[in-house]
């Protein structure tokens, strides 16, 4: 049972770390083109991995269920227990966060476009003034 516990612990920590990294990337401020590109990549990753991640989480939770049913001597530390209890909810929250980020970026796109058009108009005026002088 000790080996099963170590296997479950390693897998859940790996998944948790991946989710934390994705969350960090999705919640960055889209204040530069590079950040914007990275955010969009992460959102695409989440969409592609949605079912895959759920399929990766389920076997790990099944391992913990086996441990709780058949191993009375194997105690699961509180932090690990918390990960186990919250991993599905955290994944769903991450999907929702990505969706909200995508939506807010779409709304901000209109504002940025207006700002860009105004900046181009001003630039044209500046270029015309420069050519005259």
C-alpha atoms as a PDB file:
ATOM      1  CA  UNK A   1       0.000   0.000   0.000  1.00  0.00           C
ATOM      2  CA  UNK A   2       2.954   2.309   0.596  1.00  0.00           C
ATOM      3  CA  UNK A   3       3.905   2.109  -3.086  1.00  0.00           C
ATOM      4  CA  UNK A   4       0.338   2.923  -4.137  1.00  0.00           C
ATOM      5  CA  UNK A   5       0.341   5.924  -1.834  1.00  0.00           C
ATOM      6  CA  UNK A   6       3.635   7.208  -3.252  1.00  0.00           C
ATOM      7  CA  UNK A   7       2.371   6.739  -6.801  1.00  0.00           C
ATOM      8  CA  UNK A   8      -0.879   8.584  -6.020  1.00  0.00           C
ATOM      9  CA  UNK A   9       1.005  11.359  -4.232  1.00  0.00           C
ATOM     10  CA  UNK A  10       3.430  11.871  -7.119  1.00  0.00           C
ATOM     11  CA  UNK A  11       0.642  11.963  -9.688  1.00  0.00           C
ATOM     12  CA  UNK A  12      -1.569  14.346  -7.749  1.00  0.00           C
ATOM     13  CA  UNK A  13       1.361  16.690  -7.075  1.00  0.00           C
ATOM     14  CA  UNK A  14       2.289  16.686 -10.764  1.00  0.00           C
ATOM     15  CA  UNK A  15      -1.274  17.477 -11.826  1.00  0.00           C
ATOM     16  CA  UNK A  16      -1.594  20.138  -9.110  1.00  0.00           C
ATOM     17  CA  UNK A  17       1.660  21.795 -10.231  1.00  0.00           C
ATOM     18  CA  UNK A  18       0.508  21.812 -13.873  1.00  0.00           C
ATOM     19  CA  UNK A  19      -2.772  23.416 -12.859  1.00  0.00           C
ATOM     20  CA  UNK A  20      -0.968  26.024 -10.751  1.00  0.00           C
ATOM     21  CA  UNK A  21       1.325  26.910 -13.668  1.00  0.00           C
ATOM     22  CA  UNK A  22      -1.597  27.194 -16.084  1.00  0.00           C
ATOM     23  CA  UNK A  23      -3.458  29.378 -13.563  1.00  0.00           C
ATOM     24  CA  UNK A  24      -0.441  31.657 -13.207  1.00  0.00           C
ATOM     25  CA  UNK A  25      -0.209  32.080 -16.971  1.00  0.00           C
ATOM     26  CA  UNK A  26      -3.941  32.636 -17.495  1.00  0.00           C
ATOM     27  CA  UNK A  27      -4.235  35.270 -14.768  1.00  0.00           C
ATOM     28  CA  UNK A  28      -1.335  37.424 -15.990  1.00  0.00           C
ATOM     29  CA  UNK A  29      -2.285  40.901 -17.071  1.00  0.00           C
ATOM     30  CA  UNK A  30      -2.503  41.122 -20.869  1.00  0.00           C
ATOM     31  CA  UNK A  31      -0.376  44.277 -20.827  1.00  0.00           C
ATOM     32  CA  UNK A  32       2.000  43.228 -23.582  1.00  0.00           C
ATOM     33  CA  UNK A  33       1.800  41.280 -26.814  1.00  0.00           C
ATOM     34  CA  UNK A  34       3.937  38.498 -25.298  1.00  0.00           C
ATOM     35  CA  UNK A  35       1.626  38.127 -22.291  1.00  0.00           C
ATOM     36  CA  UNK A  36      -1.400  38.209 -24.554  1.00  0.00           C
ATOM     37  CA  UNK A  37       0.050  35.459 -26.759  1.00  0.00           C
ATOM     38  CA  UNK A  38       0.947  33.339 -23.712  1.00  0.00           C
ATOM     39  CA  UNK A  39      -2.520  33.762 -22.228  1.00  0.00           C
ATOM     40  CA  UNK A  40      -4.134  32.665 -25.485  1.00  0.00           C
ATOM     41  CA  UNK A  41      -1.806  29.644 -25.672  1.00  0.00           C
ATOM     42  CA  UNK A  42      -2.776  28.621 -22.140  1.00  0.00           C
ATOM     43  CA  UNK A  43      -6.470  28.995 -22.905  1.00  0.00           C
ATOM     44  CA  UNK A  44      -6.025  26.757 -25.959  1.00  0.00           C
ATOM     45  CA  UNK A  45      -4.112  24.277 -23.778  1.00  0.00           C
ATOM     46  CA  UNK A  46      -6.958  24.177 -21.284  1.00  0.00           C
ATOM     47  CA  UNK A  47      -9.523  23.576 -24.014  1.00  0.00           C
ATOM     48  CA  UNK A  48      -7.417  20.754 -25.488  1.00  0.00           C
ATOM     49  CA  UNK A  49      -6.663  19.202 -22.087  1.00  0.00           C
ATOM     50  CA  UNK A  50     -10.101  19.487 -20.521  1.00  0.00           C
ATOM     51  CA  UNK A  51     -11.173  15.879 -21.026  1.00  0.00           C
ATOM     52  CA  UNK A  52      -7.623  14.545 -20.749  1.00  0.00           C
ATOM     53  CA  UNK A  53      -7.142  16.202 -17.367  1.00  0.00           C
ATOM     54  CA  UNK A  54     -10.384  14.756 -16.045  1.00  0.00           C
ATOM     55  CA  UNK A  55      -9.215  11.324 -17.224  1.00  0.00           C
ATOM     56  CA  UNK A  56      -5.900  11.858 -15.424  1.00  0.00           C
ATOM     57  CA  UNK A  57      -7.544  12.985 -12.193  1.00  0.00           C
ATOM     58  CA  UNK A  58     -10.034  10.115 -11.885  1.00  0.00           C
ATOM     59  CA  UNK A  59      -7.467   7.278 -11.561  1.00  0.00           C
ATOM     60  CA  UNK A  60      -5.571   9.227  -8.919  1.00  0.00           C
ATOM     61  CA  UNK A  61      -8.740   9.709  -6.904  1.00  0.00           C
ATOM     62  CA  UNK A  62      -9.464   5.997  -7.336  1.00  0.00           C
ATOM     63  CA  UNK A  63      -6.028   5.227  -5.854  1.00  0.00           C
ATOM     64  CA  UNK A  64      -6.839   7.356  -2.819  1.00  0.00           C
ATOM     65  CA  UNK A  65     -10.197   5.613  -2.507  1.00  0.00           C
ATOM     66  CA  UNK A  66      -8.422   2.233  -2.471  1.00  0.00           C
ATOM     67  CA  UNK A  67      -6.035   3.531   0.165  1.00  0.00           C
ATOM     68  CA  UNK A  68      -8.849   4.752   2.375  1.00  0.00           C
ATOM     69  CA  UNK A  69     -10.805   1.501   2.004  1.00  0.00           C
ATOM     70  CA  UNK A  70      -7.981  -1.014   2.431  1.00  0.00           C
ATOM     71  CA  UNK A  71      -5.103   0.590   4.259  1.00  0.00           C
ATOM     72  CA  UNK A  72      -5.632   1.545   7.847  1.00  0.00           C
ATOM     73  CA  UNK A  73      -1.930   2.139   8.608  1.00  0.00           C
ATOM     74  CA  UNK A  74      -1.309   4.503   5.676  1.00  0.00           C
ATOM     75  CA  UNK A  75      -2.169   7.989   6.890  1.00  0.00           C
ATOM     76  CA  UNK A  76      -2.503  10.723   4.280  1.00  0.00           C
ATOM     77  CA  UNK A  77      -1.040  14.084   5.348  1.00  0.00           C
ATOM     78  CA  UNK A  78      -3.462  17.012   5.609  1.00  0.00           C
ATOM     79  CA  UNK A  79      -1.984  18.982   2.676  1.00  0.00           C
ATOM     80  CA  UNK A  80      -2.221  15.935   0.416  1.00  0.00           C
ATOM     81  CA  UNK A  81      -5.744  15.240   1.655  1.00  0.00           C
ATOM     82  CA  UNK A  82      -6.693  18.823   0.798  1.00  0.00           C
ATOM     83  CA  UNK A  83      -5.296  18.428  -2.736  1.00  0.00           C
ATOM     84  CA  UNK A  84      -7.246  15.201  -3.154  1.00  0.00           C
ATOM     85  CA  UNK A  85     -10.471  16.769  -1.917  1.00  0.00           C
ATOM     86  CA  UNK A  86     -10.163  19.912  -4.034  1.00  0.00           C
ATOM     87  CA  UNK A  87      -8.497  18.864  -7.281  1.00  0.00           C
ATOM     88  CA  UNK A  88     -11.677  18.402  -9.325  1.00  0.00           C
ATOM     89  CA  UNK A  89     -13.139  21.691  -8.102  1.00  0.00           C
ATOM     90  CA  UNK A  90      -9.846  23.486  -8.760  1.00  0.00           C
ATOM     91  CA  UNK A  91      -9.768  22.154 -12.326  1.00  0.00           C
ATOM     92  CA  UNK A  92     -13.344  23.327 -12.945  1.00  0.00           C
ATOM     93  CA  UNK A  93     -12.495  26.712 -11.421  1.00  0.00           C
ATOM     94  CA  UNK A  94      -9.455  26.942 -13.689  1.00  0.00           C
ATOM     95  CA  UNK A  95     -11.623  26.250 -16.735  1.00  0.00           C
ATOM     96  CA  UNK A  96     -14.015  28.989 -15.586  1.00  0.00           C
ATOM     97  CA  UNK A  97     -11.144  31.419 -14.980  1.00  0.00           C
ATOM     98  CA  UNK A  98      -9.814  30.763 -18.478  1.00  0.00           C
ATOM     99  CA  UNK A  99     -13.278  31.320 -19.937  1.00  0.00           C
ATOM    100  CA  UNK A 100     -13.690  34.588 -18.029  1.00  0.00           C
ATOM    101  CA  UNK A 101     -10.231  35.740 -19.127  1.00  0.00           C
ATOM    102  CA  UNK A 102     -11.042  34.953 -22.738  1.00  0.00           C
ATOM    103  CA  UNK A 103     -14.324  36.868 -22.498  1.00  0.00           C
ATOM    104  CA  UNK A 104     -12.703  39.906 -20.896  1.00  0.00           C
ATOM    105  CA  UNK A 105      -9.961  39.916 -23.529  1.00  0.00           C
ATOM    106  CA  UNK A 106     -12.626  39.936 -26.230  1.00  0.00           C
ATOM    107  CA  UNK A 107     -14.326  42.938 -24.623  1.00  0.00           C
ATOM    108  CA  UNK A 108     -11.002  44.728 -24.246  1.00  0.00           C
ATOM    109  CA  UNK A 109     -10.170  44.082 -27.888  1.00  0.00           C
ATOM    110  CA  UNK A 110     -12.775  46.613 -29.040  1.00  0.00           C
ATOM    111  CA  UNK A 111     -11.354  49.286 -26.747  1.00  0.00           C
ATOM    112  CA  UNK A 112      -7.801  48.554 -27.910  1.00  0.00           C
ATOM    113  CA  UNK A 113      -8.872  48.765 -31.538  1.00  0.00           C
ATOM    114  CA  UNK A 114     -10.387  52.223 -30.987  1.00  0.00           C
ATOM    115  CA  UNK A 115      -7.202  53.340 -29.191  1.00  0.00           C
ATOM    116  CA  UNK A 116      -5.070  51.972 -32.022  1.00  0.00           C
ATOM    117  CA  UNK A 117      -7.106  53.768 -34.688  1.00  0.00           C
ATOM    118  CA  UNK A 118      -6.787  57.045 -32.758  1.00  0.00           C
ATOM    119  CA  UNK A 119      -3.022  56.545 -32.374  1.00  0.00           C
ATOM    120  CA  UNK A 120      -2.664  55.879 -36.116  1.00  0.00           C
ATOM    121  CA  UNK A 121      -4.599  59.051 -36.944  1.00  0.00           C
ATOM    122  CA  UNK A 122      -2.363  61.062 -34.627  1.00  0.00           C
ATOM    123  CA  UNK A 123       0.726  59.445 -36.124  1.00  0.00           C
ATOM    124  CA  UNK A 124      -0.411  60.381 -39.649  1.00  0.00           C
ATOM    125  CA  UNK A 125      -0.866  63.990 -38.563  1.00  0.00           C
ATOM    126  CA  UNK A 126       2.602  63.970 -36.974  1.00  0.00           C
ATOM    127  CA  UNK A 127       4.139  62.511 -40.148  1.00  0.00           C
ATOM    128  CA  UNK A 128       2.435  65.175 -42.269  1.00  0.00           C
ATOM    129  CA  UNK A 129       3.763  67.916 -39.961  1.00  0.00           C
ATOM    130  CA  UNK A 130       7.252  66.397 -40.105  1.00  0.00           C
ATOM    131  CA  UNK A 131       7.235  66.322 -43.917  1.00  0.00           C
ATOM    132  CA  UNK A 132       6.190  69.978 -44.080  1.00  0.00           C
ATOM    133  CA  UNK A 133       9.001  71.106 -41.786  1.00  0.00           C
END
